[in-house]
Amino acid sequence: MKRENGTYFTSLEAFRKALTPKRMALLHIIKTEQPSSINELARMANRDVKNVADDVKYLEQIALIEKKVTKRSIAPVVAYEKLMLEISV
């Protein structure tokens, strides 16, 4: 199987650990509401800023979000429309 650009997980369990319901909710909020900062994202998600910042950092590490740096803040960005899960058997 040819490997294309993307984020890969070693197992379905690893995928589930990475994309928890709270992280999926953050991805949705970032895509639909386009918060201008991590603080604004935390308010929109009704979550603690530190926990949101940790989740954003992790999602950036696995290449599911990017950060757009401005003079005043760092805004998380989702640059795609959907995630696809493909499992080889």
N, C-alpha and C. Protein backbone atom coordinates (compact mmCIF):
# COMPACT_ATOMS: atom_id res chain seq x y z
N MET A 1 0.84 -1.18 0.00
CA MET A 1 0.00 0.00 0.00
C MET A 1 0.89 1.25 0.00
N LYS A 2 0.64 2.13 -0.90
CA LYS A 2 1.41 3.37 -1.00
C LYS A 2 0.97 4.33 0.11
N ARG A 3 1.93 4.87 0.83
CA ARG A 3 1.64 5.80 1.91
C ARG A 3 1.61 7.22 1.35
N GLU A 4 0.50 7.90 1.59
CA GLU A 4 0.34 9.28 1.14
C GLU A 4 0.57 10.21 2.31
N ASN A 5 0.62 11.51 2.03
CA ASN A 5 0.73 12.50 3.09
C ASN A 5 -0.47 12.41 4.00
N GLY A 6 -0.24 12.56 5.29
CA GLY A 6 -1.33 12.52 6.24
C GLY A 6 -0.84 12.16 7.62
N THR A 7 -1.77 11.98 8.51
CA THR A 7 -1.46 11.56 9.88
C THR A 7 -1.83 10.10 9.99
N TYR A 8 -0.91 9.29 10.50
CA TYR A 8 -1.11 7.86 10.60
C TYR A 8 -1.06 7.42 12.05
N PHE A 9 -1.85 6.42 12.39
CA PHE A 9 -1.88 5.85 13.72
C PHE A 9 -1.56 4.37 13.61
N THR A 10 -0.93 3.83 14.64
CA THR A 10 -0.50 2.43 14.61
C THR A 10 -1.64 1.46 14.87
N SER A 11 -2.71 1.95 15.47
CA SER A 11 -3.85 1.08 15.77
C SER A 11 -5.10 1.92 15.95
N LEU A 12 -6.24 1.25 15.95
CA LEU A 12 -7.50 1.94 16.21
C LEU A 12 -7.51 2.52 17.62
N GLU A 13 -6.89 1.82 18.56
CA GLU A 13 -6.81 2.32 19.93
C GLU A 13 -6.00 3.62 19.99
N ALA A 14 -4.92 3.69 19.24
CA ALA A 14 -4.11 4.92 19.20
C ALA A 14 -4.92 6.07 18.61
N PHE A 15 -5.70 5.77 17.58
CA PHE A 15 -6.57 6.78 16.97
C PHE A 15 -7.58 7.30 17.99
N ARG A 16 -8.20 6.38 18.74
CA ARG A 16 -9.19 6.77 19.75
C ARG A 16 -8.58 7.62 20.86
N LYS A 17 -7.34 7.29 21.25
CA LYS A 17 -6.67 8.08 22.29
C LYS A 17 -6.34 9.48 21.77
N ALA A 18 -5.97 9.57 20.52
CA ALA A 18 -5.58 10.86 19.95
C ALA A 18 -6.78 11.76 19.69
N LEU A 19 -7.86 11.19 19.17
CA LEU A 19 -9.02 11.98 18.81
C LEU A 19 -10.18 11.70 19.76
N THR A 20 -10.01 12.19 20.96
CA THR A 20 -11.05 12.05 21.98
C THR A 20 -12.24 12.93 21.60
N PRO A 21 -13.39 12.71 22.19
CA PRO A 21 -14.54 13.58 21.90
C PRO A 21 -14.25 15.06 22.16
N LYS A 22 -13.50 15.38 23.19
CA LYS A 22 -13.19 16.79 23.47
C LYS A 22 -12.28 17.38 22.40
N ARG A 23 -11.31 16.61 21.93
CA ARG A 23 -10.44 17.10 20.86
C ARG A 23 -11.20 17.24 19.54
N MET A 24 -12.09 16.30 19.27
CA MET A 24 -12.92 16.41 18.07
C MET A 24 -13.80 17.66 18.15
N ALA A 25 -14.31 17.96 19.33
CA ALA A 25 -15.12 19.16 19.51
C ALA A 25 -14.28 20.41 19.25
N LEU A 26 -13.03 20.40 19.72
CA LEU A 26 -12.15 21.55 19.46
C LEU A 26 -11.92 21.72 17.96
N LEU A 27 -11.67 20.63 17.25
CA LEU A 27 -11.47 20.72 15.80
C LEU A 27 -12.70 21.33 15.13
N HIS A 28 -13.88 20.91 15.56
CA HIS A 28 -15.11 21.45 14.99
C HIS A 28 -15.26 22.94 15.28
N ILE A 29 -15.00 23.34 16.51
CA ILE A 29 -15.11 24.76 16.87
C ILE A 29 -14.10 25.59 16.09
N ILE A 30 -12.87 25.09 15.99
CA ILE A 30 -11.84 25.84 15.25
C ILE A 30 -12.27 26.01 13.80
N LYS A 31 -12.78 24.95 13.18
CA LYS A 31 -13.18 25.01 11.78
C LYS A 31 -14.39 25.93 11.56
N THR A 32 -15.40 25.81 12.42
CA THR A 32 -16.65 26.54 12.18
C THR A 32 -16.66 27.95 12.76
N GLU A 33 -16.03 28.14 13.89
CA GLU A 33 -16.09 29.45 14.57
C GLU A 33 -14.85 30.31 14.37
N GLN A 34 -13.75 29.71 13.97
CA GLN A 34 -12.48 30.39 13.71
C GLN A 34 -12.07 31.32 14.86
N PRO A 35 -11.81 30.76 16.05
CA PRO A 35 -11.40 31.60 17.18
C PRO A 35 -10.07 32.29 16.89
N SER A 36 -9.90 33.48 17.46
CA SER A 36 -8.69 34.26 17.20
C SER A 36 -7.57 33.95 18.18
N SER A 37 -7.83 33.12 19.17
CA SER A 37 -6.80 32.77 20.16
C SER A 37 -7.19 31.49 20.89
N ILE A 38 -6.25 30.96 21.63
CA ILE A 38 -6.51 29.79 22.46
C ILE A 38 -7.51 30.14 23.56
N ASN A 39 -7.38 31.33 24.12
CA ASN A 39 -8.31 31.77 25.17
C ASN A 39 -9.74 31.82 24.64
N GLU A 40 -9.91 32.36 23.46
CA GLU A 40 -11.25 32.43 22.87
C GLU A 40 -11.78 31.02 22.58
N LEU A 41 -10.91 30.15 22.11
CA LEU A 41 -11.32 28.76 21.87
C LEU A 41 -11.78 28.10 23.17
N ALA A 42 -11.05 28.31 24.24
CA ALA A 42 -11.41 27.74 25.54
C ALA A 42 -12.78 28.25 25.99
N ARG A 43 -13.04 29.54 25.80
CA ARG A 43 -14.35 30.10 26.15
C ARG A 43 -15.46 29.47 25.31
N MET A 44 -15.21 29.34 24.02
CA MET A 44 -16.21 28.74 23.13
C MET A 44 -16.49 27.29 23.49
N ALA A 45 -15.47 26.57 23.93
CA ALA A 45 -15.60 25.16 24.28
C ALA A 45 -16.05 24.97 25.73
N ASN A 46 -16.09 26.07 26.48
CA ASN A 46 -16.46 26.02 27.89
C ASN A 46 -15.53 25.07 28.66
N ARG A 47 -14.21 25.24 28.40
CA ARG A 47 -13.19 24.40 29.03
C ARG A 47 -12.08 25.27 29.60
N ASP A 48 -11.29 24.68 30.48
CA ASP A 48 -10.15 25.35 31.08
C ASP A 48 -9.09 25.66 30.01
N VAL A 49 -8.53 26.86 30.08
CA VAL A 49 -7.55 27.31 29.07
C VAL A 49 -6.34 26.37 29.01
N LYS A 50 -5.83 25.95 30.16
CA LYS A 50 -4.64 25.10 30.17
C LYS A 50 -4.92 23.77 29.46
N ASN A 51 -6.07 23.17 29.74
CA ASN A 51 -6.41 21.90 29.08
C ASN A 51 -6.59 22.06 27.58
N VAL A 52 -7.21 23.16 27.18
CA VAL A 52 -7.39 23.43 25.75
C VAL A 52 -6.02 23.67 25.10
N ALA A 53 -5.16 24.44 25.76
CA ALA A 53 -3.82 24.69 25.22
C ALA A 53 -3.05 23.38 25.05
N ASP A 54 -3.17 22.47 26.03
CA ASP A 54 -2.50 21.17 25.92
C ASP A 54 -3.06 20.38 24.74
N ASP A 55 -4.37 20.38 24.57
CA ASP A 55 -4.98 19.66 23.45
C ASP A 55 -4.58 20.27 22.11
N VAL A 56 -4.55 21.59 22.03
CA VAL A 56 -4.14 22.27 20.80
C VAL A 56 -2.69 21.93 20.48
N LYS A 57 -1.83 21.92 21.48
CA LYS A 57 -0.42 21.58 21.27
C LYS A 57 -0.30 20.16 20.71
N TYR A 58 -1.05 19.23 21.30
CA TYR A 58 -1.01 17.85 20.83
C TYR A 58 -1.54 17.73 19.40
N LEU A 59 -2.67 18.38 19.12
CA LEU A 59 -3.24 18.33 17.77
C LEU A 59 -2.30 18.94 16.74
N GLU A 60 -1.55 19.95 17.16
CA GLU A 60 -0.55 20.52 16.25
C GLU A 60 0.60 19.53 16.03
N GLN A 61 1.02 18.84 17.07
CA GLN A 61 2.11 17.86 16.95
C GLN A 61 1.75 16.74 15.98
N ILE A 62 0.48 16.34 15.96
CA ILE A 62 0.09 15.26 15.04
C ILE A 62 -0.46 15.82 13.72
N ALA A 63 -0.22 17.09 13.49
CA ALA A 63 -0.50 17.77 12.21
C ALA A 63 -1.99 17.86 11.87
N LEU A 64 -2.86 17.94 12.88
CA LEU A 64 -4.28 18.12 12.60
C LEU A 64 -4.71 19.57 12.69
N ILE A 65 -3.88 20.42 13.27
CA ILE A 65 -4.13 21.86 13.24
C ILE A 65 -2.82 22.59 12.98
N GLU A 66 -2.96 23.83 12.58
CA GLU A 66 -1.83 24.73 12.42
C GLU A 66 -2.09 25.93 13.32
N LYS A 67 -1.04 26.68 13.61
CA LYS A 67 -1.21 27.90 14.38
C LYS A 67 -0.85 29.09 13.50
N LYS A 68 -1.73 30.08 13.50
CA LYS A 68 -1.49 31.31 12.75
C LYS A 68 -1.09 32.38 13.77
N VAL A 69 0.14 32.86 13.64
CA VAL A 69 0.67 33.84 14.59
C VAL A 69 0.43 35.25 14.08
N THR A 70 -0.19 36.07 14.93
CA THR A 70 -0.36 37.49 14.62
C THR A 70 0.37 38.29 15.68
N LYS A 71 0.32 39.60 15.58
CA LYS A 71 1.00 40.44 16.57
C LYS A 71 0.39 40.28 17.96
N ARG A 72 -0.91 40.00 18.02
CA ARG A 72 -1.60 39.96 19.31
C ARG A 72 -1.86 38.57 19.86
N SER A 73 -1.90 37.56 19.00
CA SER A 73 -2.27 36.24 19.50
C SER A 73 -1.82 35.13 18.56
N ILE A 74 -2.08 33.91 19.01
CA ILE A 74 -1.83 32.73 18.20
C ILE A 74 -3.18 32.05 18.00
N ALA A 75 -3.62 31.96 16.76
CA ALA A 75 -4.93 31.40 16.46
C ALA A 75 -4.78 29.99 15.89
N PRO A 76 -5.53 29.03 16.42
CA PRO A 76 -5.51 27.69 15.83
C PRO A 76 -6.32 27.67 14.54
N VAL A 77 -5.84 26.88 13.57
CA VAL A 77 -6.50 26.82 12.26
C VAL A 77 -6.63 25.36 11.83
N VAL A 78 -7.81 25.01 11.31
CA VAL A 78 -8.04 23.70 10.69
C VAL A 78 -8.16 23.98 9.19
N ALA A 79 -7.25 23.39 8.42
CA ALA A 79 -7.18 23.70 6.99
C ALA A 79 -7.75 22.58 6.11
N TYR A 80 -8.72 21.85 6.61
CA TYR A 80 -9.32 20.76 5.83
C TYR A 80 -10.80 20.68 6.18
N GLU A 81 -11.54 19.94 5.39
CA GLU A 81 -12.99 19.85 5.57
C GLU A 81 -13.42 18.61 6.37
N LYS A 82 -12.66 17.52 6.25
CA LYS A 82 -13.08 16.30 6.93
C LYS A 82 -11.88 15.42 7.21
N LEU A 83 -12.06 14.49 8.14
CA LEU A 83 -11.08 13.46 8.45
C LEU A 83 -11.59 12.15 7.86
N MET A 84 -10.67 11.36 7.32
CA MET A 84 -11.06 10.07 6.79
C MET A 84 -10.29 8.99 7.54
N LEU A 85 -10.99 7.97 7.94
CA LEU A 85 -10.39 6.84 8.62
C LEU A 85 -10.36 5.67 7.65
N GLU A 86 -9.18 5.16 7.39
CA GLU A 86 -9.03 4.04 6.48
C GLU A 86 -8.33 2.91 7.21
N ILE A 87 -8.90 1.75 7.19
CA ILE A 87 -8.35 0.61 7.92
C ILE A 87 -8.06 -0.52 6.92
N SER A 88 -6.82 -0.95 6.87
CA SER A 88 -6.46 -2.09 6.02
C SER A 88 -6.78 -3.38 6.76
N VAL A 89 -7.24 -4.37 6.04
CA VAL A 89 -7.55 -5.67 6.64
C VAL A 89 -6.61 -6.74 6.11
